Amino acid sequence: MNDRTALILGASGRFGRAAVQAFVAAGWRTLAQSRRASPDLPAGAQALIGDLGDLDRLAEQAAGARVVVHAANPPYDRWDAEMLPMGSRAIALSAK
């Protein structure tokens, strides 16, 4: 197991892409989660395609990650309804 594994949630957004690039450049095994395939992942990043709502599947795919970066972000017009639940799922995932 590589102790230098990072899981980036929301890897297709601006902050998520920057985090993926930084962890890959630093030599970390980098798991890049997004709802849809992202064609611009740097070499060395592993795509994890799926929704944050499927915690069990995502936890299985990201087993061994020591760092979780929460860069997932709903559209601004849905923040009131989605931001806190999304954050709660990210916290639950990091505890698995």
PDB file of N, CA and C in Angstrom:
ATOM      1  N   MET A   1       0.852  -1.197   0.000  1.00  0.00           N
ATOM      2  CA  MET A   1       0.000   0.000   0.000  1.00  0.00           C
ATOM      3  C   MET A   1       0.885   1.244   0.000  1.00  0.00           C
ATOM      4  N   ASN A   2       0.521   2.205  -0.800  1.00  0.00           N
ATOM      5  CA  ASN A   2       1.234   3.478  -0.882  1.00  0.00           C
ATOM      6  C   ASN A   2       0.621   4.438   0.139  1.00  0.00           C
ATOM      7  N   ASP A   3       1.407   4.852   1.139  1.00  0.00           N
ATOM      8  CA  ASP A   3       0.886   5.785   2.144  1.00  0.00           C
ATOM      9  C   ASP A   3       0.696   7.186   1.578  1.00  0.00           C
ATOM     10  N   ARG A   4       1.193   7.420   0.387  1.00  0.00           N
ATOM     11  CA  ARG A   4       1.049   8.737  -0.237  1.00  0.00           C
ATOM     12  C   ARG A   4      -0.011   8.650  -1.330  1.00  0.00           C
ATOM     13  N   THR A   5      -1.240   8.417  -0.893  1.00  0.00           N
ATOM     14  CA  THR A   5      -2.380   8.363  -1.804  1.00  0.00           C
ATOM     15  C   THR A   5      -3.347   9.470  -1.429  1.00  0.00           C
ATOM     16  N   ALA A   6      -3.736  10.268  -2.424  1.00  0.00           N
ATOM     17  CA  ALA A   6      -4.674  11.367  -2.205  1.00  0.00           C
ATOM     18  C   ALA A   6      -5.918  11.137  -3.052  1.00  0.00           C
ATOM     19  N   LEU A   7      -7.068  11.381  -2.465  1.00  0.00           N
ATOM     20  CA  LEU A   7      -8.348  11.335  -3.159  1.00  0.00           C
ATOM     21  C   LEU A   7      -8.834  12.764  -3.314  1.00  0.00           C
ATOM     22  N   ILE A   8      -9.055  13.180  -4.553  1.00  0.00           N
ATOM     23  CA  ILE A   8      -9.549  14.524  -4.828  1.00  0.00           C
ATOM     24  C   ILE A   8     -11.005  14.395  -5.251  1.00  0.00           C
ATOM     25  N   LEU A   9     -11.912  14.909  -4.443  1.00  0.00           N
ATOM     26  CA  LEU A   9     -13.343  14.902  -4.757  1.00  0.00           C
ATOM     27  C   LEU A   9     -13.653  16.148  -5.574  1.00  0.00           C
ATOM     28  N   GLY A  10     -14.313  15.981  -6.702  1.00  0.00           N
ATOM     29  CA  GLY A  10     -14.600  17.128  -7.566  1.00  0.00           C
ATOM     30  C   GLY A  10     -13.399  17.503  -8.402  1.00  0.00           C
ATOM     31  N   ALA A  11     -12.723  16.504  -8.951  1.00  0.00           N
ATOM     32  CA  ALA A  11     -11.463  16.727  -9.663  1.00  0.00           C
ATOM     33  C   ALA A  11     -11.619  17.451 -10.994  1.00  0.00           C
ATOM     34  N   SER A  12     -12.837  17.627 -11.487  1.00  0.00           N
ATOM     35  CA  SER A  12     -12.997  18.284 -12.786  1.00  0.00           C
ATOM     36  C   SER A  12     -13.199  19.796 -12.669  1.00  0.00           C
ATOM     37  N   GLY A  13     -13.361  20.302 -11.472  1.00  0.00           N
ATOM     38  CA  GLY A  13     -13.481  21.749 -11.271  1.00  0.00           C
ATOM     39  C   GLY A  13     -12.123  22.418 -11.209  1.00  0.00           C
ATOM     40  N   ARG A  14     -12.120  23.743 -11.132  1.00  0.00           N
ATOM     41  CA  ARG A  14     -10.841  24.482 -11.138  1.00  0.00           C
ATOM     42  C   ARG A  14      -9.942  24.108  -9.967  1.00  0.00           C
ATOM     43  N   PHE A  15     -10.494  24.146  -8.758  1.00  0.00           N
ATOM     44  CA  PHE A  15      -9.688  23.808  -7.581  1.00  0.00           C
ATOM     45  C   PHE A  15      -9.303  22.335  -7.599  1.00  0.00           C
ATOM     46  N   GLY A  16     -10.241  21.475  -7.966  1.00  0.00           N
ATOM     47  CA  GLY A  16      -9.963  20.041  -8.021  1.00  0.00           C
ATOM     48  C   GLY A  16      -8.856  19.710  -9.011  1.00  0.00           C
ATOM     49  N   ARG A  17      -8.916  20.309 -10.203  1.00  0.00           N
ATOM     50  CA  ARG A  17      -7.865  20.070 -11.213  1.00  0.00           C
ATOM     51  C   ARG A  17      -6.503  20.527 -10.695  1.00  0.00           C
ATOM     52  N   ALA A  18      -6.482  21.682 -10.039  1.00  0.00           N
ATOM     53  CA  ALA A  18      -5.214  22.189  -9.490  1.00  0.00           C
ATOM     54  C   ALA A  18      -4.676  21.247  -8.410  1.00  0.00           C
ATOM     55  N   ALA A  19      -5.559  20.724  -7.577  1.00  0.00           N
ATOM     56  CA  ALA A  19      -5.136  19.787  -6.527  1.00  0.00           C
ATOM     57  C   ALA A  19      -4.596  18.499  -7.144  1.00  0.00           C
ATOM     58  N   VAL A  20      -5.283  17.981  -8.150  1.00  0.00           N
ATOM     59  CA  VAL A  20      -4.809  16.764  -8.829  1.00  0.00           C
ATOM     60  C   VAL A  20      -3.420  17.015  -9.404  1.00  0.00           C
ATOM     61  N   GLN A  21      -3.232  18.117 -10.104  1.00  0.00           N
ATOM     62  CA  GLN A  21      -1.934  18.429 -10.704  1.00  0.00           C
ATOM     63  C   GLN A  21      -0.845  18.543  -9.640  1.00  0.00           C
ATOM     64  N   ALA A  22      -1.160  19.176  -8.525  1.00  0.00           N
ATOM     65  CA  ALA A  22      -0.167  19.363  -7.460  1.00  0.00           C
ATOM     66  C   ALA A  22       0.232  18.035  -6.821  1.00  0.00           C
ATOM     67  N   PHE A  23      -0.745  17.176  -6.540  1.00  0.00           N
ATOM     68  CA  PHE A  23      -0.414  15.893  -5.916  1.00  0.00           C
ATOM     69  C   PHE A  23       0.357  14.996  -6.880  1.00  0.00           C
ATOM     70  N   VAL A  24      -0.038  14.961  -8.149  1.00  0.00           N
ATOM     71  CA  VAL A  24       0.703  14.166  -9.135  1.00  0.00           C
ATOM     72  C   VAL A  24       2.134  14.677  -9.240  1.00  0.00           C
ATOM     73  N   ALA A  25       2.307  15.992  -9.333  1.00  0.00           N
ATOM     74  CA  ALA A  25       3.641  16.585  -9.455  1.00  0.00           C
ATOM     75  C   ALA A  25       4.513  16.278  -8.236  1.00  0.00           C
ATOM     76  N   ALA A  26       3.885  16.121  -7.078  1.00  0.00           N
ATOM     77  CA  ALA A  26       4.633  15.822  -5.854  1.00  0.00           C
ATOM     78  C   ALA A  26       4.896  14.325  -5.681  1.00  0.00           C
ATOM     79  N   GLY A  27       4.450  13.530  -6.666  1.00  0.00           N
ATOM     80  CA  GLY A  27       4.737  12.109  -6.622  1.00  0.00           C
ATOM     81  C   GLY A  27       3.732  11.251  -5.883  1.00  0.00           C
ATOM     82  N   TRP A  28       2.579  11.817  -5.550  1.00  0.00           N
ATOM     83  CA  TRP A  28       1.550  11.062  -4.854  1.00  0.00           C
ATOM     84  C   TRP A  28       0.749  10.210  -5.834  1.00  0.00           C
ATOM     85  N   ARG A  29       0.271   9.070  -5.370  1.00  0.00           N
ATOM     86  CA  ARG A  29      -0.751   8.330  -6.105  1.00  0.00           C
ATOM     87  C   ARG A  29      -2.019   9.170  -5.962  1.00  0.00           C
ATOM     88  N   THR A  30      -2.605   9.563  -7.076  1.00  0.00           N
ATOM     89  CA  THR A  30      -3.699  10.536  -7.045  1.00  0.00           C
ATOM     90  C   THR A  30      -4.954   9.960  -7.675  1.00  0.00           C
ATOM     91  N   LEU A  31      -6.036   9.916  -6.882  1.00  0.00           N
ATOM     92  CA  LEU A  31      -7.336   9.427  -7.320  1.00  0.00           C
ATOM     93  C   LEU A  31      -8.226  10.632  -7.563  1.00  0.00           C
ATOM     94  N   ALA A  32      -8.694  10.783  -8.784  1.00  0.00           N
ATOM     95  CA  ALA A  32      -9.436  11.976  -9.195  1.00  0.00           C
ATOM     96  C   ALA A  32     -10.908  11.631  -9.406  1.00  0.00           C
ATOM     97  N   GLN A  33     -11.754  11.960  -8.423  1.00  0.00           N
ATOM     98  CA  GLN A  33     -13.185  11.658  -8.504  1.00  0.00           C
ATOM     99  C   GLN A  33     -13.927  12.777  -9.208  1.00  0.00           C
ATOM    100  N   SER A  34     -14.810  12.392 -10.107  1.00  0.00           N
ATOM    101  CA  SER A  34     -15.720  13.351 -10.735  1.00  0.00           C
ATOM    102  C   SER A  34     -16.946  12.593 -11.228  1.00  0.00           C
ATOM    103  N   ARG A  35     -18.027  13.335 -11.473  1.00  0.00           N
ATOM    104  CA  ARG A  35     -19.256  12.692 -11.944  1.00  0.00           C
ATOM    105  C   ARG A  35     -19.126  12.198 -13.376  1.00  0.00           C
ATOM    106  N   ARG A  36     -18.336  12.891 -14.159  1.00  0.00           N
ATOM    107  CA  ARG A  36     -18.153  12.536 -15.571  1.00  0.00           C
ATOM    108  C   ARG A  36     -16.656  12.450 -15.872  1.00  0.00           C
ATOM    109  N   ALA A  37     -16.324  11.724 -16.932  1.00  0.00           N
ATOM    110  CA  ALA A  37     -14.926  11.597 -17.331  1.00  0.00           C
ATOM    111  C   ALA A  37     -14.339  12.975 -17.645  1.00  0.00           C
ATOM    112  N   SER A  38     -13.139  13.194 -17.203  1.00  0.00           N
ATOM    113  CA  SER A  38     -12.440  14.462 -17.446  1.00  0.00           C
ATOM    114  C   SER A  38     -11.259  14.193 -18.367  1.00  0.00           C
ATOM    115  N   PRO A  39     -11.286  14.731 -19.574  1.00  0.00           N
ATOM    116  CA  PRO A  39     -10.223  14.431 -20.536  1.00  0.00           C
ATOM    117  C   PRO A  39      -8.884  15.083 -20.212  1.00  0.00           C
ATOM    118  N   ASP A  40      -8.856  16.019 -19.288  1.00  0.00           N
ATOM    119  CA  ASP A  40      -7.616  16.755 -19.049  1.00  0.00           C
ATOM    120  C   ASP A  40      -6.888  16.344 -17.767  1.00  0.00           C
ATOM    121  N   LEU A  41      -7.068  15.097 -17.320  1.00  0.00           N
ATOM    122  CA  LEU A  41      -6.315  14.639 -16.156  1.00  0.00           C
ATOM    123  C   LEU A  41      -4.847  14.472 -16.539  1.00  0.00           C
ATOM    124  N   PRO A  42      -3.946  14.867 -15.653  1.00  0.00           N
ATOM    125  CA  PRO A  42      -2.529  14.679 -15.963  1.00  0.00           C
ATOM    126  C   PRO A  42      -2.155  13.199 -15.918  1.00  0.00           C
ATOM    127  N   ALA A  43      -1.125  12.842 -16.636  1.00  0.00           N
ATOM    128  CA  ALA A  43      -0.613  11.480 -16.590  1.00  0.00           C
ATOM    129  C   ALA A  43      -0.258  11.141 -15.147  1.00  0.00           C
ATOM    130  N   GLY A  44      -0.648   9.984 -14.721  1.00  0.00           N
ATOM    131  CA  GLY A  44      -0.376   9.567 -13.358  1.00  0.00           C
ATOM    132  C   GLY A  44      -1.581   9.659 -12.435  1.00  0.00           C
ATOM    133  N   ALA A  45      -2.607  10.374 -12.842  1.00  0.00           N
ATOM    134  CA  ALA A  45      -3.839  10.454 -12.040  1.00  0.00           C
ATOM    135  C   ALA A  45      -4.779   9.334 -12.475  1.00  0.00           C
ATOM    136  N   GLN A  46      -5.462   8.764 -11.515  1.00  0.00           N
ATOM    137  CA  GLN A  46      -6.426   7.705 -11.794  1.00  0.00           C
ATOM    138  C   GLN A  46      -7.831   8.273 -11.652  1.00  0.00           C
ATOM    139  N   ALA A  47      -8.629   8.174 -12.694  1.00  0.00           N
ATOM    140  CA  ALA A  47     -10.003   8.688 -12.674  1.00  0.00           C
ATOM    141  C   ALA A  47     -10.911   7.745 -11.903  1.00  0.00           C
ATOM    142  N   LEU A  48     -11.738   8.309 -11.033  1.00  0.00           N
ATOM    143  CA  LEU A  48     -12.812   7.584 -10.345  1.00  0.00           C
ATOM    144  C   LEU A  48     -14.104   8.275 -10.750  1.00  0.00           C
ATOM    145  N   ILE A  49     -14.850   7.660 -11.646  1.00  0.00           N
ATOM    146  CA  ILE A  49     -16.058   8.272 -12.170  1.00  0.00           C
ATOM    147  C   ILE A  49     -17.239   7.803 -11.334  1.00  0.00           C
ATOM    148  N   GLY A  50     -17.999   8.745 -10.807  1.00  0.00           N
ATOM    149  CA  GLY A  50     -19.174   8.400 -10.020  1.00  0.00           C
ATOM    150  C   GLY A  50     -19.588   9.546  -9.125  1.00  0.00           C
ATOM    151  N   ASP A  51     -20.762   9.405  -8.606  1.00  0.00           N
ATOM    152  CA  ASP A  51     -21.359  10.432  -7.762  1.00  0.00           C
ATOM    153  C   ASP A  51     -20.910  10.272  -6.320  1.00  0.00           C
ATOM    154  N   LEU A  52     -20.811  11.381  -5.601  1.00  0.00           N
ATOM    155  CA  LEU A  52     -20.477  11.347  -4.173  1.00  0.00           C
ATOM    156  C   LEU A  52     -21.529  10.622  -3.349  1.00  0.00           C
ATOM    157  N   GLY A  53     -22.726  10.477  -3.887  1.00  0.00           N
ATOM    158  CA  GLY A  53     -23.792   9.802  -3.149  1.00  0.00           C
ATOM    159  C   GLY A  53     -23.564   8.315  -2.986  1.00  0.00           C
ATOM    160  N   ASP A  54     -22.700   7.710  -3.802  1.00  0.00           N
ATOM    161  CA  ASP A  54     -22.420   6.277  -3.729  1.00  0.00           C
ATOM    162  C   ASP A  54     -21.168   6.067  -2.878  1.00  0.00           C
ATOM    163  N   LEU A  55     -21.307   6.308  -1.570  1.00  0.00           N
ATOM    164  CA  LEU A  55     -20.152   6.290  -0.670  1.00  0.00           C
ATOM    165  C   LEU A  55     -19.470   4.937  -0.601  1.00  0.00           C
ATOM    166  N   ASP A  56     -20.243   3.853  -0.572  1.00  0.00           N
ATOM    167  CA  ASP A  56     -19.623   2.537  -0.445  1.00  0.00           C
ATOM    168  C   ASP A  56     -18.724   2.228  -1.639  1.00  0.00           C
ATOM    169  N   ARG A  57     -19.226   2.488  -2.839  1.00  0.00           N
ATOM    170  CA  ARG A  57     -18.431   2.236  -4.053  1.00  0.00           C
ATOM    171  C   ARG A  57     -17.195   3.126  -4.072  1.00  0.00           C
ATOM    172  N   LEU A  58     -17.358   4.394  -3.754  1.00  0.00           N
ATOM    173  CA  LEU A  58     -16.236   5.326  -3.767  1.00  0.00           C
ATOM    174  C   LEU A  58     -15.208   4.957  -2.696  1.00  0.00           C
ATOM    175  N   ALA A  59     -15.675   4.566  -1.516  1.00  0.00           N
ATOM    176  CA  ALA A  59     -14.756   4.163  -0.442  1.00  0.00           C
ATOM    177  C   ALA A  59     -13.952   2.940  -0.862  1.00  0.00           C
ATOM    178  N   GLU A  60     -14.583   2.014  -1.561  1.00  0.00           N
ATOM    179  CA  GLU A  60     -13.886   0.822  -2.037  1.00  0.00           C
ATOM    180  C   GLU A  60     -12.821   1.201  -3.060  1.00  0.00           C
ATOM    181  N   GLN A  61     -13.163   2.086  -3.991  1.00  0.00           N
ATOM    182  CA  GLN A  61     -12.218   2.516  -5.023  1.00  0.00           C
ATOM    183  C   GLN A  61     -11.055   3.313  -4.429  1.00  0.00           C
ATOM    184  N   ALA A  62     -11.308   4.028  -3.359  1.00  0.00           N
ATOM    185  CA  ALA A  62     -10.306   4.922  -2.778  1.00  0.00           C
ATOM    186  C   ALA A  62      -9.653   4.347  -1.524  1.00  0.00           C
ATOM    187  N   ALA A  63      -9.819   3.055  -1.310  1.00  0.00           N
ATOM    188  CA  ALA A  63      -9.244   2.426  -0.117  1.00  0.00           C
ATOM    189  C   ALA A  63      -7.758   2.753  -0.014  1.00  0.00           C
ATOM    190  N   GLY A  64      -7.328   3.137   1.152  1.00  0.00           N
ATOM    191  CA  GLY A  64      -5.929   3.451   1.394  1.00  0.00           C
ATOM    192  C   GLY A  64      -5.558   4.914   1.236  1.00  0.00           C
ATOM    193  N   ALA A  65      -6.481   5.734   0.769  1.00  0.00           N
ATOM    194  CA  ALA A  65      -6.170   7.165   0.626  1.00  0.00           C
ATOM    195  C   ALA A  65      -5.917   7.760   2.009  1.00  0.00           C
ATOM    196  N   ARG A  66      -4.852   8.521   2.118  1.00  0.00           N
ATOM    197  CA  ARG A  66      -4.497   9.155   3.394  1.00  0.00           C
ATOM    198  C   ARG A  66      -4.907  10.622   3.438  1.00  0.00           C
ATOM    199  N   VAL A  67      -5.166  11.186   2.269  1.00  0.00           N
ATOM    200  CA  VAL A  67      -5.585  12.579   2.179  1.00  0.00           C
ATOM    201  C   VAL A  67      -6.844  12.622   1.326  1.00  0.00           C
ATOM    202  N   VAL A  68      -7.854  13.362   1.800  1.00  0.00           N
ATOM    203  CA  VAL A  68      -9.068  13.595   1.022  1.00  0.00           C
ATOM    204  C   VAL A  68      -9.224  15.103   0.859  1.00  0.00           C
ATOM    205  N   VAL A  69      -9.255  15.545  -0.394  1.00  0.00           N
ATOM    206  CA  VAL A  69      -9.456  16.964  -0.696  1.00  0.00           C
ATOM    207  C   VAL A  69     -10.881  17.124  -1.198  1.00  0.00           C
ATOM    208  N   HIS A  70     -11.665  17.928  -0.476  1.00  0.00           N
ATOM    209  CA  HIS A  70     -13.061  18.147  -0.867  1.00  0.00           C
ATOM    210  C   HIS A  70     -13.124  19.377  -1.769  1.00  0.00           C
ATOM    211  N   ALA A  71     -13.124  19.121  -3.090  1.00  0.00           N
ATOM    212  CA  ALA A  71     -13.208  20.207  -4.068  1.00  0.00           C
ATOM    213  C   ALA A  71     -14.522  20.142  -4.841  1.00  0.00           C
ATOM    214  N   ALA A  72     -15.403  19.230  -4.425  1.00  0.00           N
ATOM    215  CA  ALA A  72     -16.703  19.097  -5.103  1.00  0.00           C
ATOM    216  C   ALA A  72     -17.562  20.320  -4.793  1.00  0.00           C
ATOM    217  N   ASN A  73     -18.336  20.713  -5.777  1.00  0.00           N
ATOM    218  CA  ASN A  73     -19.087  21.953  -5.641  1.00  0.00           C
ATOM    219  C   ASN A  73     -20.350  21.884  -6.506  1.00  0.00           C
ATOM    220  N   PRO A  74     -21.522  22.028  -5.909  1.00  0.00           N
ATOM    221  CA  PRO A  74     -22.728  22.049  -6.737  1.00  0.00           C
ATOM    222  C   PRO A  74     -22.856  23.391  -7.461  1.00  0.00           C
ATOM    223  N   PRO A  75     -23.683  23.453  -8.484  1.00  0.00           N
ATOM    224  CA  PRO A  75     -23.928  24.752  -9.129  1.00  0.00           C
ATOM    225  C   PRO A  75     -24.445  25.763  -8.094  1.00  0.00           C
ATOM    226  N   TYR A  76     -24.081  27.014  -8.278  1.00  0.00           N
ATOM    227  CA  TYR A  76     -24.408  28.043  -7.284  1.00  0.00           C
ATOM    228  C   TYR A  76     -25.900  28.140  -6.979  1.00  0.00           C
ATOM    229  N   ASP A  77     -26.741  27.903  -7.967  1.00  0.00           N
ATOM    230  CA  ASP A  77     -28.173  28.025  -7.714  1.00  0.00           C
ATOM    231  C   ASP A  77     -28.722  26.849  -6.902  1.00  0.00           C
ATOM    232  N   ARG A  78     -27.858  25.848  -6.596  1.00  0.00           N
ATOM    233  CA  ARG A  78     -28.304  24.708  -5.779  1.00  0.00           C
ATOM    234  C   ARG A  78     -27.524  24.573  -4.473  1.00  0.00           C
ATOM    235  N   TRP A  79     -26.726  25.594  -4.139  1.00  0.00           N
ATOM    236  CA  TRP A  79     -25.929  25.526  -2.911  1.00  0.00           C
ATOM    237  C   TRP A  79     -26.792  25.318  -1.679  1.00  0.00           C
ATOM    238  N   ASP A  80     -27.860  26.076  -1.551  1.00  0.00           N
ATOM    239  CA  ASP A  80     -28.696  25.971  -0.345  1.00  0.00           C
ATOM    240  C   ASP A  80     -29.134  24.539  -0.087  1.00  0.00           C
ATOM    241  N   ALA A  81     -29.493  23.830  -1.114  1.00  0.00           N
ATOM    242  CA  ALA A  81     -30.016  22.475  -0.961  1.00  0.00           C
ATOM    243  C   ALA A  81     -28.923  21.404  -0.958  1.00  0.00           C
ATOM    244  N   GLU A  82     -27.800  21.648  -1.630  1.00  0.00           N
ATOM    245  CA  GLU A  82     -26.850  20.558  -1.863  1.00  0.00           C
ATOM    246  C   GLU A  82     -25.498  20.674  -1.157  1.00  0.00           C
ATOM    247  N   MET A  83     -25.068  21.875  -0.784  1.00  0.00           N
ATOM    248  CA  MET A  83     -23.707  22.025  -0.277  1.00  0.00           C
ATOM    249  C   MET A  83     -23.478  21.303   1.052  1.00  0.00           C
ATOM    250  N   LEU A  84     -24.336  21.485   2.016  1.00  0.00           N
ATOM    251  CA  LEU A  84     -24.134  20.817   3.307  1.00  0.00           C
ATOM    252  C   LEU A  84     -24.245  19.298   3.201  1.00  0.00           C
ATOM    253  N   PRO A  85     -25.246  18.766   2.488  1.00  0.00           N
ATOM    254  CA  PRO A  85     -25.270  17.304   2.330  1.00  0.00           C
ATOM    255  C   PRO A  85     -24.020  16.773   1.614  1.00  0.00           C
ATOM    256  N   MET A  86     -23.527  17.500   0.629  1.00  0.00           N
ATOM    257  CA  MET A  86     -22.329  17.080  -0.083  1.00  0.00           C
ATOM    258  C   MET A  86     -21.130  17.059   0.866  1.00  0.00           C
ATOM    259  N   GLY A  87     -21.009  18.071   1.694  1.00  0.00           N
ATOM    260  CA  GLY A  87     -19.928  18.111   2.674  1.00  0.00           C
ATOM    261  C   GLY A  87     -20.034  16.990   3.684  1.00  0.00           C
ATOM    262  N   SER A  88     -21.239  16.681   4.103  1.00  0.00           N
ATOM    263  CA  SER A  88     -21.455  15.576   5.042  1.00  0.00           C
ATOM    264  C   SER A  88     -21.040  14.247   4.421  1.00  0.00           C
ATOM    265  N   ARG A  89     -21.329  14.054   3.136  1.00  0.00           N
ATOM    266  CA  ARG A  89     -20.920  12.816   2.468  1.00  0.00           C
ATOM    267  C   ARG A  89     -19.405  12.736   2.362  1.00  0.00           C
ATOM    268  N   ALA A  90     -18.750  13.853   2.110  1.00  0.00           N
ATOM    269  CA  ALA A  90     -17.286  13.859   2.028  1.00  0.00           C
ATOM    270  C   ALA A  90     -16.670  13.497   3.378  1.00  0.00           C
ATOM    271  N   ILE A  91     -17.240  14.027   4.451  1.00  0.00           N
ATOM    272  CA  ILE A  91     -16.741  13.698   5.789  1.00  0.00           C
ATOM    273  C   ILE A  91     -16.967  12.226   6.091  1.00  0.00           C
ATOM    274  N   ALA A  92     -18.138  11.713   5.746  1.00  0.00           N
ATOM    275  CA  ALA A  92     -18.428  10.293   5.969  1.00  0.00           C
ATOM    276  C   ALA A  92     -17.461   9.420   5.173  1.00  0.00           C
ATOM    277  N   LEU A  93     -17.161   9.819   3.961  1.00  0.00           N
ATOM    278  CA  LEU A  93     -16.234   9.056   3.133  1.00  0.00           C
ATOM    279  C   LEU A  93     -14.837   9.029   3.764  1.00  0.00           C
ATOM    280  N   SER A  94     -14.385  10.159   4.265  1.00  0.00           N
ATOM    281  CA  SER A  94     -13.036  10.206   4.839  1.00  0.00           C
ATOM    282  C   SER A  94     -12.942   9.387   6.122  1.00  0.00           C
ATOM    283  N   ALA A  95     -14.060   9.109   6.751  1.00  0.00           N
ATOM    284  CA  ALA A  95     -14.058   8.301   7.978  1.00  0.00           C
ATOM    285  C   ALA A  95     -14.125   6.804   7.689  1.00  0.00           C
ATOM    286  N   LYS A  96     -14.353   6.416   6.443  1.00  0.00           N
ATOM    287  CA  LYS A  96     -14.463   4.976   6.099  1.00  0.00           C
ATOM    288  C   LYS A  96     -13.104   4.351   5.981  1.00  0.00           C
TER     289      LYS A  96
END
